[in-house]
Amino acid sequence: MSLLSVVPAGQLTTEVAIPTIADGVTEPEEAVRIQLFGFEEPPVGPIFTGRAEDGS
């Protein structure tokens, strides 16, 4: 899955929302991996990892 978010010039942060759905199924902890892409050299940035939390 790809998700696009823009960090405007002069800004250091942006918010990224990853949509999820409640399916009523008990599942193990789920992980997310995000890698930044840009137009400079090199075009890819660091990889960030995290976990999906229960939003209820």
Protein backbone atom coordinates (compact mmCIF):
# COMPACT_ATOMS: atom_id res chain seq x y z
CA MET A 1 0.00 0.00 0.00
CA SER A 2 1.22 3.50 -0.76
CA LEU A 3 0.19 6.64 1.08
CA LEU A 4 1.06 10.17 0.03
CA SER A 5 1.65 13.03 2.43
CA VAL A 6 3.47 16.28 1.77
CA VAL A 7 5.75 18.20 4.12
CA PRO A 8 5.56 21.82 2.90
CA ALA A 9 8.78 23.78 2.41
CA GLY A 10 9.90 25.26 5.73
CA GLN A 11 7.96 22.70 7.79
CA LEU A 12 9.59 19.89 9.74
CA THR A 13 6.54 17.71 10.38
CA THR A 14 3.35 16.42 8.84
CA GLU A 15 0.57 14.18 10.10
CA VAL A 16 -0.09 10.86 8.44
CA ALA A 17 -3.31 8.96 9.09
CA ILE A 18 -3.43 5.27 8.27
CA PRO A 19 -7.04 4.19 7.85
CA THR A 20 -8.09 0.97 9.56
CA ILE A 21 -11.39 -0.82 9.98
CA ALA A 22 -12.84 -2.66 12.96
CA ASP A 23 -13.56 -6.21 11.86
CA GLY A 24 -14.26 -7.81 15.23
CA VAL A 25 -11.45 -10.35 14.76
CA THR A 26 -8.85 -10.80 17.48
CA GLU A 27 -5.48 -10.33 15.81
CA PRO A 28 -1.87 -10.09 16.92
CA GLU A 29 -0.24 -6.66 17.14
CA GLU A 30 0.09 -5.15 13.69
CA ALA A 31 3.10 -3.18 12.50
CA VAL A 32 3.59 -0.33 10.05
CA ARG A 33 6.72 0.62 8.15
CA ILE A 34 7.12 4.05 6.57
CA GLN A 35 9.95 5.21 4.33
CA LEU A 36 10.32 8.79 3.20
CA PHE A 37 10.81 9.57 -0.49
CA GLY A 38 11.90 12.92 -1.88
CA PHE A 39 13.37 14.65 -4.90
CA GLU A 40 16.90 15.14 -3.57
CA GLU A 41 19.79 12.70 -3.81
CA PRO A 42 19.51 10.10 -2.46
CA PRO A 43 15.77 10.00 -3.17
CA VAL A 44 14.85 7.79 -0.22
CA GLY A 45 15.05 8.58 3.45
CA PRO A 46 15.14 6.63 6.67
CA ILE A 47 12.68 3.87 7.53
CA PHE A 48 10.36 4.40 10.49
CA THR A 49 8.50 1.56 12.14
CA GLY A 50 5.61 1.55 14.57
CA ARG A 51 2.56 -0.37 15.61
CA ALA A 52 -1.13 -0.04 14.93
CA GLU A 53 -3.02 0.69 18.14
CA ASP A 54 -6.61 0.02 19.04
CA GLY A 55 -8.32 3.37 18.55
CA SER A 56 -11.35 2.54 20.70
